[in-house]
Amino acid sequence: MKTSRRQVLPLLGAAPLAWSVPPQRIAAIEFWRYEGHYETEAGIDRQHQANPAHVYDDARPKEYRDGTPRKVNAPVSALYLKIRTDGGAEGIYGPIDKEAAIVVDQQLRSLLMGRDALAIERVWDQLHRSNRHSRRGHYMMAISAIDNCLWDLRGRVFNAPVYQLLGGPTRNPVTVYGSCLGYSLEPDKVRSRSKQLADAGFQHQKWFMGWGPGDGAAGLKKNVAMVRHLRESVGDEVDLMFDAFMGWDLMYALAWAKQVEAYRPRWIEEAFAADKIQSFTELRRGTSVPVASGEHFYGRWEVLDYLRAGAITVVQADPEWCGGVSELVKICSIASAYDAQVIPHGHNLHAALHVVASQSPMTCPLVEYLILKMRSYYHFDKNVPHPVAGKITLPALPGFGIEIDASKVERQTLVKFS
C-alpha cells in the first residue's frame, strides 16, 4: 500500500503542514525613523581605538582618561526597514544604516516591487546581478538589509524563528563574547573592568588597541602592557581577543604579536585594511597568535580568497554588510571546508545570532556582543537580545522577534530618500 505524505504526518506525530504557500508579492517598502531619549552616563566610556588616520599627528587624539560620570538624558534614533506584501505579510528589520536605506530607496525599490518575498534566493541573486558595483560597499549593504528583512517576513509567514528556518538550533543558549569598545584603557580600569566582566559571565572578552605606529615605541609598549594587565586580571581561563581596526602595518603587528604570544590571545583582529591580504598571510605565518578579519568582507568570494591564501583562521563577516543571512550561511559552508571559524562582526545582533545558532559550534562558536553599544542600540525594541552569564537564550517569536515598543517612541517618521 502506498502512503501519501499527508498520511505520513500523523504517523510521525507531526502537526499538519501546508506544503505550499501562495507567492507573497512585495507591495510596499518603507523606512521608519524612531526617535526618543534614554538615560546614560556622560564623561566616561569614550576611549578611542587605533585608527588608520592616526599616523598623522594632527589626526591622532590625545591620551584618553575617564572623567567624572554624570547622568544625562540623551537623544536616540534608529532607522528600520519594513516590507509588506499583497498577501498581508510584513517583515521588519533594523536598525539599519542610512547609507543602505538610500540605495534601497533610490536604486533597488523598482527591482523589488512585485517580486515574491518568499523567493529569497532569487531576489538576492537578481539584485546582485543588477549592478556592476553590487559586489561591495553600500550596494551590498542594501542587499543585506533587504535580505534580512525578507528572512524576518518569511519567519512570520511560517510562524517560526529564523534559526528554525535555517535548520533548527544547534544549541540554546548561545555563548557571546563581550566586546569592550569604549572602555578606558587606563591600566587600573582595564584590570578592574575585565575582572568585573569575567565575574558577570563574560568568559570571552575583546579589547581594542588604543595605539598604533604613529605613537611610536611608547605606544607599542602600552599595547603589549594592556595584554599583560588583562591576563593577570582575569587569569588563564578567560579568552582574550584584540582588535586593531586597520590601524597597524605588518612590522608593527609582528612586533606586538611576538611580545604577547605568551599571554595566548585568541586572536588579533583586522590589523590591516581588508585589501592587504598579503599582510594578513605574512602575519599568520609569523606568529602563533590566530589572525581574524572580515567585518569589511562583502561576500563569499572575498572570504574564499582569504582562506585560499591561508590569511586568517577566524572569519568575521557581518550579515548587515556582507549580504545578509543568505550570504552568511554560504560563508559558513565555505569556512567549514577550511576548518576556519565564522564569528560574525556584531554591528547588529539579530541576523548574526540566528545564523550562529543554526550552525555547528565548531564553525560558529560565538556571537559578538558590543556591551556599551547595546545599551541603547535596541532602545525601541520590545524583545532585546540580552546575555545572562555570557549567554543569550534564543527567542521563540517568529522571524527575528522584532517588535517596536511604542512607549519609547517620542516621534516616528516615514522617511523617503528619493
Protein backbone atom coordinates (compact mmCIF):
# COMPACT_ATOMS: atom_id res chain seq x y z
CA MET A 1 0.00 0.00 0.00
CA LYS A 2 1.40 3.38 -0.97
CA THR A 3 1.24 6.06 1.75
CA SER A 4 0.79 9.73 0.88
CA ARG A 5 2.81 12.48 2.56
CA ARG A 6 -0.31 13.75 4.33
CA GLN A 7 -0.87 10.24 5.74
CA VAL A 8 2.69 10.05 6.99
CA LEU A 9 2.50 13.18 9.16
CA PRO A 10 0.14 11.74 11.83
CA LEU A 11 2.26 8.57 11.98
CA LEU A 12 5.27 10.71 12.87
CA GLY A 13 3.35 12.68 15.46
CA ALA A 14 3.76 15.88 13.48
CA ALA A 15 1.27 18.68 13.15
CA PRO A 16 -0.46 19.18 9.80
CA LEU A 17 1.73 21.14 7.42
CA ALA A 18 0.85 23.33 4.46
CA TRP A 19 3.04 22.06 1.66
CA SER A 20 2.80 25.21 -0.37
CA VAL A 21 2.26 28.88 0.30
CA PRO A 22 1.00 31.30 -2.35
CA PRO A 23 3.54 33.86 -3.56
CA GLN A 24 3.77 36.95 -1.38
CA ARG A 25 4.31 39.79 -3.83
CA ILE A 26 6.14 42.81 -2.46
CA ALA A 27 3.70 45.71 -2.37
CA ALA A 28 5.37 48.27 -0.09
CA ILE A 29 8.88 49.17 1.07
CA GLU A 30 9.07 51.66 3.91
CA PHE A 31 11.69 53.23 6.13
CA TRP A 32 10.68 54.34 9.59
CA ARG A 33 12.77 56.54 11.85
CA TYR A 34 12.02 56.31 15.56
CA GLU A 35 13.23 58.96 17.97
CA GLY A 36 13.33 59.18 21.75
CA HIS A 37 15.63 59.61 24.75
CA TYR A 38 17.46 57.31 27.10
CA GLU A 39 19.37 57.76 30.32
CA THR A 40 23.13 57.27 30.11
CA GLU A 41 26.35 58.43 31.71
CA ALA A 42 28.46 61.18 30.17
CA GLY A 43 32.13 61.75 30.90
CA ILE A 44 33.20 58.09 30.74
CA ASP A 45 33.46 55.19 28.27
CA ARG A 46 34.65 57.28 25.33
CA GLN A 47 38.02 55.60 24.76
CA HIS A 48 39.24 55.87 21.16
CA GLN A 49 40.76 52.90 19.34
CA ALA A 50 43.64 52.65 16.92
CA ASN A 51 42.71 54.14 13.56
CA PRO A 52 44.37 54.19 10.12
CA ALA A 53 44.39 58.01 10.13
CA HIS A 54 46.35 58.18 13.38
CA VAL A 55 49.68 58.01 11.54
CA TYR A 56 49.13 61.77 11.11
CA ASP A 57 49.97 63.89 14.14
CA ASP A 58 47.04 66.24 13.67
CA ALA A 59 44.57 63.34 13.40
CA ARG A 60 45.79 61.47 16.46
CA PRO A 61 43.70 62.13 19.59
CA LYS A 62 45.13 62.98 22.96
CA GLU A 63 45.57 60.31 25.60
CA TYR A 64 42.14 59.37 26.93
CA ARG A 65 41.12 59.28 30.56
CA ASP A 66 37.67 58.81 32.03
CA GLY A 67 36.22 61.90 33.64
CA THR A 68 33.61 62.20 36.36
CA PRO A 69 30.45 60.35 35.33
CA ARG A 70 27.16 62.23 35.28
CA LYS A 71 23.68 61.13 34.33
CA VAL A 72 22.25 62.63 31.14
CA ASN A 73 19.06 62.15 29.16
CA ALA A 74 20.47 61.63 25.68
CA PRO A 75 18.63 61.60 22.34
CA VAL A 76 18.48 58.33 20.41
CA SER A 77 17.13 57.48 16.96
CA ALA A 78 17.02 54.39 14.80
CA LEU A 79 16.02 53.53 11.22
CA TYR A 80 14.02 50.39 10.45
CA LEU A 81 13.08 48.79 7.13
CA LYS A 82 9.58 47.36 6.64
CA ILE A 83 8.48 45.27 3.66
CA ARG A 84 4.81 44.37 3.12
CA THR A 85 3.21 42.02 0.61
CA ASP A 86 -0.10 41.89 -1.20
CA GLY A 87 -0.98 38.87 0.94
CA GLY A 88 -0.74 40.89 4.14
CA ALA A 89 2.62 39.59 5.33
CA GLU A 90 5.10 42.04 6.80
CA GLY A 91 8.78 41.92 7.66
CA ILE A 92 10.77 44.36 9.74
CA TYR A 93 14.50 44.72 10.28
CA GLY A 94 16.75 47.20 11.98
CA PRO A 95 18.33 49.31 12.97
CA ILE A 96 19.87 49.68 9.53
CA ASP A 97 22.46 52.08 8.16
CA LYS A 98 21.23 55.19 6.40
CA GLU A 99 23.67 54.52 3.55
CA ALA A 100 21.97 51.19 2.88
CA ALA A 101 18.49 52.72 3.05
CA ILE A 102 19.37 55.33 0.43
CA VAL A 103 20.45 52.64 -2.05
CA VAL A 104 17.33 50.57 -1.39
CA ASP A 105 15.07 53.56 -1.85
CA GLN A 106 16.77 55.11 -4.86
CA GLN A 107 18.09 52.09 -6.79
CA LEU A 108 16.51 48.81 -5.65
CA ARG A 109 12.89 49.68 -4.96
CA SER A 110 11.79 49.27 -8.59
CA LEU A 111 13.53 45.89 -8.81
CA LEU A 112 11.74 44.62 -5.70
CA MET A 113 8.15 45.68 -6.27
CA GLY A 114 6.00 42.72 -7.29
CA ARG A 115 8.68 40.13 -6.51
CA ASP A 116 7.79 37.09 -4.43
CA ALA A 117 9.11 37.95 -0.96
CA LEU A 118 9.43 34.25 -0.09
CA ALA A 119 11.75 33.56 -3.04
CA ILE A 120 14.68 35.00 -1.12
CA GLU A 121 17.47 33.33 -3.08
CA ARG A 122 16.00 34.54 -6.37
CA VAL A 123 15.61 38.10 -5.03
CA TRP A 124 19.19 38.13 -3.72
CA ASP A 125 20.65 36.80 -6.94
CA GLN A 126 18.74 39.24 -9.13
CA LEU A 127 19.73 42.22 -7.00
CA HIS A 128 23.35 41.12 -7.04
CA ARG A 129 23.30 40.75 -10.84
CA SER A 130 21.57 44.08 -11.39
CA ASN A 131 24.51 46.46 -10.87
CA ARG A 132 28.21 46.41 -11.70
CA HIS A 133 29.02 47.77 -8.24
CA SER A 134 26.90 45.26 -6.31
CA ARG A 135 29.85 43.24 -5.03
CA ARG A 136 30.91 45.77 -2.38
CA GLY A 137 30.10 48.81 -0.28
CA HIS A 138 26.75 50.48 0.13
CA TYR A 139 25.11 48.41 -2.58
CA MET A 140 25.92 45.16 -0.77
CA MET A 141 24.82 46.76 2.50
CA ALA A 142 21.47 47.50 0.84
CA ILE A 143 21.13 43.89 -0.34
CA SER A 144 21.90 42.84 3.24
CA ALA A 145 19.11 44.99 4.67
CA ILE A 146 16.59 43.61 2.18
CA ASP A 147 17.68 40.03 2.70
CA ASN A 148 17.47 40.24 6.49
CA CYS A 149 14.05 41.88 6.30
CA LEU A 150 12.79 39.16 3.96
CA TRP A 151 14.02 36.46 6.34
CA ASP A 152 12.01 38.12 9.09
CA LEU A 153 8.98 38.21 6.79
CA ARG A 154 9.43 34.53 5.94
CA GLY A 155 9.58 33.67 9.63
CA ARG A 156 6.31 35.48 10.24
CA VAL A 157 4.63 33.72 7.31
CA PHE A 158 5.69 30.28 8.58
CA ASN A 159 5.34 31.26 12.27
CA ALA A 160 8.90 30.25 13.10
CA PRO A 161 12.11 31.94 14.25
CA VAL A 162 14.72 32.42 11.54
CA TYR A 163 17.09 29.92 13.16
CA GLN A 164 14.36 27.27 12.80
CA LEU A 165 14.01 28.05 9.11
CA LEU A 166 17.77 27.61 8.77
CA GLY A 167 17.63 24.08 10.13
CA GLY A 168 16.98 24.49 13.83
CA PRO A 169 19.24 25.43 16.73
CA THR A 170 22.44 23.52 17.38
CA ARG A 171 22.39 24.80 20.99
CA ASN A 172 20.40 27.09 23.23
CA PRO A 173 21.50 29.40 24.77
CA VAL A 174 24.28 30.76 22.55
CA THR A 175 27.57 31.96 24.04
CA VAL A 176 28.60 35.57 23.39
CA TYR A 177 31.86 37.37 23.77
CA GLY A 178 31.91 40.77 25.41
CA SER A 179 33.22 43.43 23.05
CA CYS A 180 34.71 46.23 25.14
CA LEU A 181 34.79 49.10 22.67
CA GLY A 182 34.74 52.42 24.53
CA TYR A 183 36.02 51.25 27.89
CA SER A 184 39.00 53.20 29.18
CA LEU A 185 42.44 51.67 28.60
CA GLU A 186 43.88 53.19 31.77
CA PRO A 187 45.73 50.23 33.34
CA ASP A 188 43.84 50.19 36.64
CA LYS A 189 40.50 50.42 34.85
CA VAL A 190 41.43 47.68 32.38
CA ARG A 191 42.18 45.40 35.30
CA SER A 192 39.03 46.17 37.28
CA ARG A 193 36.65 46.22 34.31
CA SER A 194 37.88 42.93 32.83
CA LYS A 195 37.55 41.23 36.22
CA GLN A 196 34.02 42.61 36.65
CA LEU A 197 33.03 41.33 33.21
CA ALA A 198 34.52 37.90 33.88
CA ASP A 199 32.64 37.68 37.17
CA ALA A 200 29.45 38.61 35.28
CA GLY A 201 29.92 35.64 32.94
CA PHE A 202 31.87 37.12 30.03
CA GLN A 203 34.47 34.36 29.72
CA HIS A 204 35.36 35.70 26.29
CA GLN A 205 36.37 39.37 26.01
CA LYS A 206 37.61 41.54 23.16
CA TRP A 207 39.58 44.69 23.86
CA PHE A 208 40.52 47.39 21.40
CA MET A 209 44.05 48.57 20.77
CA GLY A 210 44.47 52.25 21.56
CA TRP A 211 47.81 52.90 19.88
CA GLY A 212 49.44 52.36 16.50
CA PRO A 213 52.63 53.15 14.55
CA GLY A 214 52.09 56.89 14.90
CA ASP A 215 52.51 56.56 18.67
CA GLY A 216 56.00 55.10 18.30
CA ALA A 217 57.72 52.67 20.64
CA ALA A 218 55.87 54.06 23.66
CA GLY A 219 52.53 53.18 22.07
CA LEU A 220 53.66 49.65 21.23
CA LYS A 221 54.76 49.20 24.82
CA LYS A 222 51.29 50.26 26.02
CA ASN A 223 49.60 47.82 23.64
CA VAL A 224 51.71 44.98 24.98
CA ALA A 225 51.21 46.05 28.59
CA MET A 226 47.43 46.07 28.13
CA VAL A 227 47.52 42.39 27.16
CA ARG A 228 49.61 41.59 30.23
CA HIS A 229 47.28 43.55 32.54
CA LEU A 230 44.26 41.70 31.18
CA ARG A 231 45.77 38.25 31.53
CA GLU A 232 46.92 38.97 35.05
CA SER A 233 43.46 40.27 35.94
CA VAL A 234 41.24 37.51 34.54
CA GLY A 235 43.56 34.52 34.81
CA ASP A 236 44.11 31.73 32.34
CA GLU A 237 40.52 30.59 31.81
CA VAL A 238 39.18 33.70 30.03
CA ASP A 239 39.59 34.12 26.28
CA LEU A 240 41.14 37.45 25.31
CA MET A 241 40.83 38.88 21.80
CA PHE A 242 42.21 42.13 20.40
CA ASP A 243 41.12 44.49 17.62
CA ALA A 244 43.40 46.97 15.83
CA PHE A 245 40.80 48.34 13.37
CA MET A 246 43.12 48.51 10.34
CA GLY A 247 45.45 50.86 12.27
CA TRP A 248 48.71 48.88 12.04
CA ASP A 249 51.24 47.77 9.44
CA LEU A 250 52.90 44.38 9.12
CA MET A 251 56.10 45.14 11.01
CA TYR A 252 54.17 46.70 13.89
CA ALA A 253 51.74 43.77 14.09
CA LEU A 254 54.56 41.22 14.09
CA ALA A 255 56.42 43.12 16.82
CA TRP A 256 53.28 43.19 19.00
CA ALA A 257 52.42 39.55 18.34
CA LYS A 258 55.87 38.27 19.25
CA GLN A 259 55.72 40.03 22.60
CA VAL A 260 52.23 38.84 23.57
CA GLU A 261 52.33 35.21 22.42
CA ALA A 262 52.99 34.08 25.99
CA TYR A 263 49.62 35.53 27.05
CA ARG A 264 47.76 33.38 24.47
CA PRO A 265 45.40 35.83 22.75
CA ARG A 266 42.54 34.08 20.97
CA TRP A 267 43.10 36.39 18.01
CA ILE A 268 44.34 39.70 16.66
CA GLU A 269 41.61 41.26 14.55
CA GLU A 270 41.81 43.43 11.47
CA ALA A 271 45.40 44.56 11.96
CA PHE A 272 45.31 45.89 8.38
CA ALA A 273 42.83 47.14 5.80
CA ALA A 274 40.90 44.36 4.08
CA ASP A 275 42.71 44.89 0.76
CA LYS A 276 46.06 43.90 2.28
CA ILE A 277 45.57 40.16 2.04
CA GLN A 278 49.31 39.51 1.75
CA SER A 279 49.95 41.27 5.05
CA PHE A 280 47.39 39.05 6.75
CA THR A 281 49.07 35.99 5.24
CA GLU A 282 52.52 37.08 6.42
CA LEU A 283 51.22 37.88 9.90
CA ARG A 284 49.63 34.46 10.22
CA ARG A 285 52.87 32.80 9.14
CA GLY A 286 54.91 34.91 11.52
CA THR A 287 53.10 34.33 14.82
CA SER A 288 51.24 31.72 16.82
CA VAL A 289 48.52 34.30 17.58
CA PRO A 290 45.46 33.42 15.45
CA VAL A 291 44.53 36.05 12.86
CA ALA A 292 40.97 37.30 12.36
CA SER A 293 39.29 39.67 9.91
CA GLY A 294 36.18 40.06 7.86
CA GLU A 295 33.81 42.77 9.03
CA HIS A 296 34.68 44.53 5.77
CA PHE A 297 34.31 41.43 3.61
CA TYR A 298 31.47 41.81 1.12
CA GLY A 299 30.62 38.27 0.13
CA ARG A 300 31.67 34.64 -0.15
CA TRP A 301 34.16 35.31 -2.93
CA GLU A 302 36.32 37.61 -0.79
CA VAL A 303 36.19 35.13 2.08
CA LEU A 304 37.30 32.36 -0.26
CA ASP A 305 40.28 34.43 -1.43
CA TYR A 306 41.42 34.89 2.17
CA LEU A 307 41.02 31.23 3.07
CA ARG A 308 42.83 30.04 -0.05
CA ALA A 309 45.70 32.36 0.82
CA GLY A 310 45.89 31.00 4.36
CA ALA A 311 45.46 34.56 5.61
CA ILE A 312 43.03 34.11 8.52
CA THR A 313 41.62 31.46 10.83
CA VAL A 314 38.58 33.47 12.01
CA VAL A 315 36.11 34.96 9.51
CA GLN A 316 34.16 37.93 10.88
CA ALA A 317 31.73 38.58 8.04
CA ASP A 318 28.92 40.90 9.12
CA PRO A 319 25.39 39.98 7.94
CA GLU A 320 24.49 43.68 7.90
CA TRP A 321 27.18 44.31 5.29
CA CYS A 322 28.23 41.04 3.59
CA GLY A 323 24.89 40.13 2.01
CA GLY A 324 22.57 39.25 4.87
CA VAL A 325 21.53 35.92 6.34
CA SER A 326 21.54 34.25 2.92
CA GLU A 327 25.16 35.12 2.23
CA LEU A 328 26.43 34.49 5.75
CA VAL A 329 25.12 30.91 5.63
CA LYS A 330 27.08 30.34 2.41
CA ILE A 331 30.19 31.84 4.02
CA CYS A 332 29.82 29.40 6.91
CA SER A 333 29.78 26.47 4.49
CA ILE A 334 32.94 27.69 2.77
CA ALA A 335 34.71 28.32 6.07
CA SER A 336 33.87 24.87 7.41
CA ALA A 337 35.65 23.31 4.43
CA TYR A 338 38.82 25.14 5.51
CA ASP A 339 38.32 24.33 9.21
CA ALA A 340 38.03 28.06 9.87
CA GLN A 341 35.59 29.63 12.31
CA VAL A 342 32.92 32.20 11.48
CA ILE A 343 32.28 34.63 14.34
CA PRO A 344 30.29 37.47 12.79
CA HIS A 345 31.11 41.10 13.46
CA GLY A 346 28.50 42.47 15.85
CA HIS A 347 27.39 45.70 14.20
CA ASN A 348 23.86 44.41 14.81
CA LEU A 349 22.79 41.24 16.61
CA HIS A 350 19.59 39.71 15.24
CA ALA A 351 20.84 38.14 11.99
CA ALA A 352 24.19 37.08 13.44
CA LEU A 353 22.57 35.39 16.44
CA HIS A 354 20.14 33.35 14.35
CA VAL A 355 22.76 32.21 11.84
CA VAL A 356 25.27 31.27 14.52
CA ALA A 357 22.57 29.34 16.40
CA SER A 358 21.82 27.29 13.27
CA GLN A 359 25.43 26.29 12.56
CA SER A 360 27.79 23.75 14.10
CA PRO A 361 29.50 25.12 17.23
CA MET A 362 32.75 24.02 15.61
CA THR A 363 32.19 26.54 12.80
CA CYS A 364 30.29 29.25 14.72
CA PRO A 365 31.16 29.08 18.42
CA LEU A 366 30.40 32.67 19.46
CA VAL A 367 28.36 35.82 18.84
CA GLU A 368 29.84 39.29 19.34
CA TYR A 369 28.06 41.47 21.90
CA LEU A 370 29.14 45.13 21.93
CA ILE A 371 28.49 45.87 25.58
CA LEU A 372 28.29 49.66 25.55
CA LYS A 373 26.65 49.98 22.14
CA MET A 374 23.88 47.56 23.02
CA ARG A 375 22.80 49.68 25.98
CA SER A 376 20.93 51.95 23.59
CA TYR A 377 21.11 50.35 20.14
CA TYR A 378 17.85 48.43 20.59
CA HIS A 379 16.17 51.17 22.59
CA PHE A 380 12.95 50.87 20.56
CA ASP A 381 12.78 47.05 20.54
CA LYS A 382 10.43 45.23 22.90
CA ASN A 383 12.38 41.99 22.78
CA VAL A 384 16.04 42.89 23.19
CA PRO A 385 18.54 40.02 22.99
CA HIS A 386 20.41 40.27 26.26
CA PRO A 387 23.11 37.97 27.66
CA VAL A 388 22.82 36.39 31.08
CA ALA A 389 26.07 34.95 32.41
CA GLY A 390 27.61 35.36 28.97
CA LYS A 391 24.85 33.55 27.05
CA ILE A 392 21.77 34.63 25.08
CA THR A 393 18.63 32.49 25.12
CA LEU A 394 17.17 32.20 21.64
CA PRO A 395 13.86 33.98 21.04
CA ALA A 396 10.81 31.85 20.26
CA LEU A 397 8.96 34.56 18.33
CA PRO A 398 8.51 34.40 14.54
CA GLY A 399 11.22 35.87 12.34
CA PHE A 400 13.75 37.77 14.43
CA GLY A 401 11.14 38.65 17.04
CA ILE A 402 11.44 42.38 16.37
CA GLU A 403 8.61 44.49 17.76
CA ILE A 404 8.68 48.26 18.24
CA ASP A 405 7.95 49.43 21.79
CA ALA A 406 5.54 52.31 21.23
CA SER A 407 6.01 53.53 24.80
CA LYS A 408 9.60 54.53 23.98
CA VAL A 409 8.84 56.27 20.69
CA GLU A 410 8.51 60.02 21.06
CA ARG A 411 8.38 60.61 17.34
CA GLN A 412 8.14 58.36 14.29
CA THR A 413 8.64 59.44 10.71
CA LEU A 414 8.12 57.70 7.39
CA VAL A 415 11.37 58.53 5.63
CA LYS A 416 11.87 58.90 1.88
CA PHE A 417 15.29 59.29 0.29
CA SER A 418 14.18 59.80 -3.31
